[in-house]
Amino acid sequence: MTFTWESTFAIALELRRQHPEVDLEEVSLGQIYQWTIQLNEFEDDLALVNDDILYAIYQDWFEENIHGQ
């Protein structure tokens, strides 16, 4: 599976898997960007990202932490 900026939920799940110790209240959008582009499966144009996309990843991750446990 490859990730693109449209794959916010899948990216959130993968970041949650790779960073289980993270306190989401301490995570910045910049950190989410860095972690996302470092994913081996990430294949999209880096210029297409914006704060709305990064925030959507954050929201999906946050929601999964609350409801997905």
PDB file of N, CA and C in Angstrom:
ATOM      1  N   MET A   1       0.843  -1.183   0.000  1.00  0.00           N
ATOM      2  CA  MET A   1       0.000   0.000   0.000  1.00  0.00           C
ATOM      3  C   MET A   1       0.883   1.239   0.000  1.00  0.00           C
ATOM      4  N   THR A   2       0.527   2.194  -0.829  1.00  0.00           N
ATOM      5  CA  THR A   2       1.244   3.462  -0.818  1.00  0.00           C
ATOM      6  C   THR A   2       0.360   4.533  -0.200  1.00  0.00           C
ATOM      7  N   PHE A   3       1.009   5.505   0.403  1.00  0.00           N
ATOM      8  CA  PHE A   3       0.303   6.620   1.025  1.00  0.00           C
ATOM      9  C   PHE A   3       0.443   7.866   0.165  1.00  0.00           C
ATOM     10  N   THR A   4      -0.639   8.615   0.070  1.00  0.00           N
ATOM     11  CA  THR A   4      -0.629   9.937  -0.546  1.00  0.00           C
ATOM     12  C   THR A   4      -1.256  10.892   0.454  1.00  0.00           C
ATOM     13  N   TRP A   5      -1.230  12.169   0.148  1.00  0.00           N
ATOM     14  CA  TRP A   5      -1.812  13.151   1.072  1.00  0.00           C
ATOM     15  C   TRP A   5      -3.307  12.920   1.282  1.00  0.00           C
ATOM     16  N   GLU A   6      -3.948  12.213   0.357  1.00  0.00           N
ATOM     17  CA  GLU A   6      -5.372  11.912   0.512  1.00  0.00           C
ATOM     18  C   GLU A   6      -5.615  10.757   1.485  1.00  0.00           C
ATOM     19  N   SER A   7      -4.582  10.047   1.863  1.00  0.00           N
ATOM     20  CA  SER A   7      -4.686   8.871   2.736  1.00  0.00           C
ATOM     21  C   SER A   7      -4.552   9.247   4.204  1.00  0.00           C
ATOM     22  N   THR A   8      -5.260  10.271   4.634  1.00  0.00           N
ATOM     23  CA  THR A   8      -5.028  10.787   5.992  1.00  0.00           C
ATOM     24  C   THR A   8      -5.274   9.728   7.066  1.00  0.00           C
ATOM     25  N   PHE A   9      -6.332   8.946   6.937  1.00  0.00           N
ATOM     26  CA  PHE A   9      -6.629   7.944   7.960  1.00  0.00           C
ATOM     27  C   PHE A   9      -5.565   6.853   7.971  1.00  0.00           C
ATOM     28  N   ALA A  10      -5.169   6.370   6.811  1.00  0.00           N
ATOM     29  CA  ALA A  10      -4.139   5.329   6.728  1.00  0.00           C
ATOM     30  C   ALA A  10      -2.802   5.842   7.264  1.00  0.00           C
ATOM     31  N   ILE A  11      -2.475   7.085   6.957  1.00  0.00           N
ATOM     32  CA  ILE A  11      -1.245   7.679   7.487  1.00  0.00           C
ATOM     33  C   ILE A  11      -1.334   7.767   8.998  1.00  0.00           C
ATOM     34  N   ALA A  12      -2.471   8.214   9.511  1.00  0.00           N
ATOM     35  CA  ALA A  12      -2.646   8.321  10.961  1.00  0.00           C
ATOM     36  C   ALA A  12      -2.466   6.973  11.644  1.00  0.00           C
ATOM     37  N   LEU A  13      -3.025   5.927  11.067  1.00  0.00           N
ATOM     38  CA  LEU A  13      -2.875   4.592  11.651  1.00  0.00           C
ATOM     39  C   LEU A  13      -1.419   4.148  11.658  1.00  0.00           C
ATOM     40  N   GLU A  14      -0.707   4.431  10.573  1.00  0.00           N
ATOM     41  CA  GLU A  14       0.701   4.039  10.494  1.00  0.00           C
ATOM     42  C   GLU A  14       1.556   4.851  11.465  1.00  0.00           C
ATOM     43  N   LEU A  15       1.292   6.136  11.568  1.00  0.00           N
ATOM     44  CA  LEU A  15       2.042   6.956  12.527  1.00  0.00           C
ATOM     45  C   LEU A  15       1.753   6.500  13.960  1.00  0.00           C
ATOM     46  N   ARG A  16       0.515   6.160  14.222  1.00  0.00           N
ATOM     47  CA  ARG A  16       0.156   5.649  15.547  1.00  0.00           C
ATOM     48  C   ARG A  16       0.905   4.347  15.840  1.00  0.00           C
ATOM     49  N   ARG A  17       1.017   3.490  14.834  1.00  0.00           N
ATOM     50  CA  ARG A  17       1.731   2.227  15.005  1.00  0.00           C
ATOM     51  C   ARG A  17       3.224   2.472  15.234  1.00  0.00           C
ATOM     52  N   GLN A  18       3.792   3.405  14.489  1.00  0.00           N
ATOM     53  CA  GLN A  18       5.228   3.648  14.580  1.00  0.00           C
ATOM     54  C   GLN A  18       5.632   4.501  15.776  1.00  0.00           C
ATOM     55  N   HIS A  19       4.696   5.267  16.309  1.00  0.00           N
ATOM     56  CA  HIS A  19       5.006   6.180  17.415  1.00  0.00           C
ATOM     57  C   HIS A  19       3.984   6.020  18.547  1.00  0.00           C
ATOM     58  N   PRO A  20       3.919   4.836  19.136  1.00  0.00           N
ATOM     59  CA  PRO A  20       2.881   4.582  20.153  1.00  0.00           C
ATOM     60  C   PRO A  20       3.061   5.391  21.437  1.00  0.00           C
ATOM     61  N   GLU A  21       4.263   5.857  21.687  1.00  0.00           N
ATOM     62  CA  GLU A  21       4.552   6.565  22.922  1.00  0.00           C
ATOM     63  C   GLU A  21       4.247   8.059  22.861  1.00  0.00           C
ATOM     64  N   VAL A  22       3.857   8.540  21.687  1.00  0.00           N
ATOM     65  CA  VAL A  22       3.690   9.974  21.472  1.00  0.00           C
ATOM     66  C   VAL A  22       2.483  10.520  22.223  1.00  0.00           C
ATOM     67  N   ASP A  23       2.704  11.664  22.880  1.00  0.00           N
ATOM     68  CA  ASP A  23       1.614  12.431  23.470  1.00  0.00           C
ATOM     69  C   ASP A  23       1.152  13.409  22.394  1.00  0.00           C
ATOM     70  N   LEU A  24      -0.034  13.191  21.856  1.00  0.00           N
ATOM     71  CA  LEU A  24      -0.502  14.007  20.734  1.00  0.00           C
ATOM     72  C   LEU A  24      -0.624  15.488  21.077  1.00  0.00           C
ATOM     73  N   GLU A  25      -0.758  15.803  22.348  1.00  0.00           N
ATOM     74  CA  GLU A  25      -0.816  17.209  22.734  1.00  0.00           C
ATOM     75  C   GLU A  25       0.529  17.899  22.544  1.00  0.00           C
ATOM     76  N   GLU A  26       1.580  17.113  22.385  1.00  0.00           N
ATOM     77  CA  GLU A  26       2.926  17.653  22.198  1.00  0.00           C
ATOM     78  C   GLU A  26       3.393  17.614  20.745  1.00  0.00           C
ATOM     79  N   VAL A  27       2.592  17.043  19.852  1.00  0.00           N
ATOM     80  CA  VAL A  27       2.988  16.863  18.457  1.00  0.00           C
ATOM     81  C   VAL A  27       2.585  18.092  17.645  1.00  0.00           C
ATOM     82  N   SER A  28       3.520  18.581  16.858  1.00  0.00           N
ATOM     83  CA  SER A  28       3.237  19.718  15.977  1.00  0.00           C
ATOM     84  C   SER A  28       2.891  19.223  14.577  1.00  0.00           C
ATOM     85  N   LEU A  29       2.293  20.097  13.793  1.00  0.00           N
ATOM     86  CA  LEU A  29       2.014  19.749  12.401  1.00  0.00           C
ATOM     87  C   LEU A  29       3.319  19.522  11.643  1.00  0.00           C
ATOM     88  N   GLY A  30       4.354  20.251  12.012  1.00  0.00           N
ATOM     89  CA  GLY A  30       5.662  20.045  11.392  1.00  0.00           C
ATOM     90  C   GLY A  30       6.202  18.651  11.651  1.00  0.00           C
ATOM     91  N   GLN A  31       5.992  18.150  12.868  1.00  0.00           N
ATOM     92  CA  GLN A  31       6.440  16.799  13.194  1.00  0.00           C
ATOM     93  C   GLN A  31       5.636  15.767  12.413  1.00  0.00           C
ATOM     94  N   ILE A  32       4.335  15.973  12.295  1.00  0.00           N
ATOM     95  CA  ILE A  32       3.503  15.066  11.504  1.00  0.00           C
ATOM     96  C   ILE A  32       3.975  15.061  10.051  1.00  0.00           C
ATOM     97  N   TYR A  33       4.307  16.221   9.526  1.00  0.00           N
ATOM     98  CA  TYR A  33       4.831  16.308   8.157  1.00  0.00           C
ATOM     99  C   TYR A  33       6.106  15.478   8.021  1.00  0.00           C
ATOM    100  N   GLN A  34       7.059  15.683   8.921  1.00  0.00           N
ATOM    101  CA  GLN A  34       8.329  14.964   8.847  1.00  0.00           C
ATOM    102  C   GLN A  34       8.124  13.456   8.940  1.00  0.00           C
ATOM    103  N   TRP A  35       7.325  13.020   9.895  1.00  0.00           N
ATOM    104  CA  TRP A  35       7.082  11.576  10.060  1.00  0.00           C
ATOM    105  C   TRP A  35       6.392  11.000   8.829  1.00  0.00           C
ATOM    106  N   THR A  36       5.464  11.767   8.267  1.00  0.00           N
ATOM    107  CA  THR A  36       4.723  11.280   7.095  1.00  0.00           C
ATOM    108  C   THR A  36       5.643  11.095   5.894  1.00  0.00           C
ATOM    109  N   ILE A  37       6.461  12.093   5.596  1.00  0.00           N
ATOM    110  CA  ILE A  37       7.306  11.979   4.410  1.00  0.00           C
ATOM    111  C   ILE A  37       8.418  10.949   4.602  1.00  0.00           C
ATOM    112  N   GLN A  38       8.692  10.559   5.847  1.00  0.00           N
ATOM    113  CA  GLN A  38       9.688   9.531   6.125  1.00  0.00           C
ATOM    114  C   GLN A  38       9.125   8.110   6.007  1.00  0.00           C
ATOM    115  N   LEU A  39       7.816   7.980   5.884  1.00  0.00           N
ATOM    116  CA  LEU A  39       7.225   6.656   5.722  1.00  0.00           C
ATOM    117  C   LEU A  39       7.715   6.040   4.413  1.00  0.00           C
ATOM    118  N   ASN A  40       8.169   4.813   4.467  1.00  0.00           N
ATOM    119  CA  ASN A  40       8.673   4.136   3.263  1.00  0.00           C
ATOM    120  C   ASN A  40       7.620   4.064   2.170  1.00  0.00           C
ATOM    121  N   GLU A  41       6.357   3.958   2.556  1.00  0.00           N
ATOM    122  CA  GLU A  41       5.273   3.784   1.600  1.00  0.00           C
ATOM    123  C   GLU A  41       4.719   5.114   1.080  1.00  0.00           C
ATOM    124  N   PHE A  42       5.267   6.238   1.557  1.00  0.00           N
ATOM    125  CA  PHE A  42       4.730   7.535   1.143  1.00  0.00           C
ATOM    126  C   PHE A  42       5.237   7.892  -0.246  1.00  0.00           C
ATOM    127  N   GLU A  43       4.293   8.159  -1.156  1.00  0.00           N
ATOM    128  CA  GLU A  43       4.634   8.499  -2.541  1.00  0.00           C
ATOM    129  C   GLU A  43       3.698   9.586  -3.045  1.00  0.00           C
ATOM    130  N   ASP A  44       4.029  10.829  -2.740  1.00  0.00           N
ATOM    131  CA  ASP A  44       3.228  11.941  -3.245  1.00  0.00           C
ATOM    132  C   ASP A  44       4.122  13.164  -3.363  1.00  0.00           C
ATOM    133  N   ASP A  45       3.622  14.155  -4.039  1.00  0.00           N
ATOM    134  CA  ASP A  45       4.349  15.399  -4.240  1.00  0.00           C
ATOM    135  C   ASP A  45       4.347  16.185  -2.929  1.00  0.00           C
ATOM    136  N   LEU A  46       5.526  16.488  -2.423  1.00  0.00           N
ATOM    137  CA  LEU A  46       5.626  17.197  -1.154  1.00  0.00           C
ATOM    138  C   LEU A  46       5.029  18.596  -1.233  1.00  0.00           C
ATOM    139  N   ALA A  47       4.992  19.166  -2.413  1.00  0.00           N
ATOM    140  CA  ALA A  47       4.452  20.511  -2.586  1.00  0.00           C
ATOM    141  C   ALA A  47       2.934  20.569  -2.436  1.00  0.00           C
ATOM    142  N   LEU A  48       2.271  19.423  -2.435  1.00  0.00           N
ATOM    143  CA  LEU A  48       0.802  19.402  -2.356  1.00  0.00           C
ATOM    144  C   LEU A  48       0.268  19.504  -0.933  1.00  0.00           C
ATOM    145  N   VAL A  49       1.118  19.390   0.050  1.00  0.00           N
ATOM    146  CA  VAL A  49       0.653  19.398   1.431  1.00  0.00           C
ATOM    147  C   VAL A  49       0.270  20.810   1.872  1.00  0.00           C
ATOM    148  N   ASN A  50      -0.670  20.857   2.803  1.00  0.00           N
ATOM    149  CA  ASN A  50      -1.032  22.121   3.451  1.00  0.00           C
ATOM    150  C   ASN A  50      -1.448  21.805   4.887  1.00  0.00           C
ATOM    151  N   ASP A  51      -1.674  22.846   5.668  1.00  0.00           N
ATOM    152  CA  ASP A  51      -2.019  22.643   7.079  1.00  0.00           C
ATOM    153  C   ASP A  51      -3.313  21.862   7.259  1.00  0.00           C
ATOM    154  N   ASP A  52      -4.262  22.025   6.346  1.00  0.00           N
ATOM    155  CA  ASP A  52      -5.523  21.284   6.456  1.00  0.00           C
ATOM    156  C   ASP A  52      -5.295  19.777   6.367  1.00  0.00           C
ATOM    157  N   ILE A  53      -4.414  19.359   5.476  1.00  0.00           N
ATOM    158  CA  ILE A  53      -4.108  17.928   5.333  1.00  0.00           C
ATOM    159  C   ILE A  53      -3.417  17.418   6.584  1.00  0.00           C
ATOM    160  N   LEU A  54      -2.428  18.167   7.059  1.00  0.00           N
ATOM    161  CA  LEU A  54      -1.701  17.742   8.257  1.00  0.00           C
ATOM    162  C   LEU A  54      -2.627  17.692   9.466  1.00  0.00           C
ATOM    163  N   TYR A  55      -3.531  18.653   9.559  1.00  0.00           N
ATOM    164  CA  TYR A  55      -4.484  18.646  10.664  1.00  0.00           C
ATOM    165  C   TYR A  55      -5.453  17.468  10.553  1.00  0.00           C
ATOM    166  N   ALA A  56      -5.827  17.097   9.337  1.00  0.00           N
ATOM    167  CA  ALA A  56      -6.701  15.931   9.142  1.00  0.00           C
ATOM    168  C   ALA A  56      -6.004  14.660   9.623  1.00  0.00           C
ATOM    169  N   ILE A  57      -4.708  14.532   9.342  1.00  0.00           N
ATOM    170  CA  ILE A  57      -3.942  13.382   9.841  1.00  0.00           C
ATOM    171  C   ILE A  57      -3.953  13.394  11.358  1.00  0.00           C
ATOM    172  N   TYR A  58      -3.690  14.570  11.935  1.00  0.00           N
ATOM    173  CA  TYR A  58      -3.702  14.707  13.392  1.00  0.00           C
ATOM    174  C   TYR A  58      -5.061  14.308  13.964  1.00  0.00           C
ATOM    175  N   GLN A  59      -6.138  14.793  13.385  1.00  0.00           N
ATOM    176  CA  GLN A  59      -7.487  14.485  13.874  1.00  0.00           C
ATOM    177  C   GLN A  59      -7.785  12.993  13.785  1.00  0.00           C
ATOM    178  N   ASP A  60      -7.422  12.376  12.672  1.00  0.00           N
ATOM    179  CA  ASP A  60      -7.644  10.940  12.522  1.00  0.00           C
ATOM    180  C   ASP A  60      -6.861  10.162  13.574  1.00  0.00           C
ATOM    181  N   TRP A  61      -5.626  10.558  13.819  1.00  0.00           N
ATOM    182  CA  TRP A  61      -4.784   9.913  14.823  1.00  0.00           C
ATOM    183  C   TRP A  61      -5.402  10.091  16.209  1.00  0.00           C
ATOM    184  N   PHE A  62      -5.819  11.312  16.517  1.00  0.00           N
ATOM    185  CA  PHE A  62      -6.440  11.612  17.806  1.00  0.00           C
ATOM    186  C   PHE A  62      -7.709  10.777  18.014  1.00  0.00           C
ATOM    187  N   GLU A  63      -8.571  10.754  17.005  1.00  0.00           N
ATOM    188  CA  GLU A  63      -9.815   9.997  17.090  1.00  0.00           C
ATOM    189  C   GLU A  63      -9.543   8.510  17.255  1.00  0.00           C
ATOM    190  N   GLU A  64      -8.560   7.995  16.558  1.00  0.00           N
ATOM    191  CA  GLU A  64      -8.235   6.583  16.665  1.00  0.00           C
ATOM    192  C   GLU A  64      -7.696   6.254  18.066  1.00  0.00           C
ATOM    193  N   ASN A  65      -6.962   7.175  18.659  1.00  0.00           N
ATOM    194  CA  ASN A  65      -6.486   6.962  20.026  1.00  0.00           C
ATOM    195  C   ASN A  65      -7.649   6.894  21.008  1.00  0.00           C
ATOM    196  N   ILE A  66      -8.667   7.675  20.758  1.00  0.00           N
ATOM    197  CA  ILE A  66      -9.831   7.678  21.661  1.00  0.00           C
ATOM    198  C   ILE A  66     -10.718   6.470  21.432  1.00  0.00           C
ATOM    199  N   HIS A  67     -11.038   6.192  20.158  1.00  0.00           N
ATOM    200  CA  HIS A  67     -12.031   5.171  19.837  1.00  0.00           C
ATOM    201  C   HIS A  67     -11.455   3.842  19.390  1.00  0.00           C
ATOM    202  N   GLY A  68     -10.194   3.827  19.005  1.00  0.00           N
ATOM    203  CA  GLY A  68      -9.621   2.624  18.426  1.00  0.00           C
ATOM    204  C   GLY A  68      -8.887   1.721  19.384  1.00  0.00           C
ATOM    205  N   GLN A  69      -8.894   2.056  20.660  1.00  0.00           N
ATOM    206  CA  GLN A  69      -8.138   1.260  21.610  1.00  0.00           C
ATOM    207  C   GLN A  69      -8.847   0.050  21.978  1.00  0.00           C
TER     208      GLN A  69
END
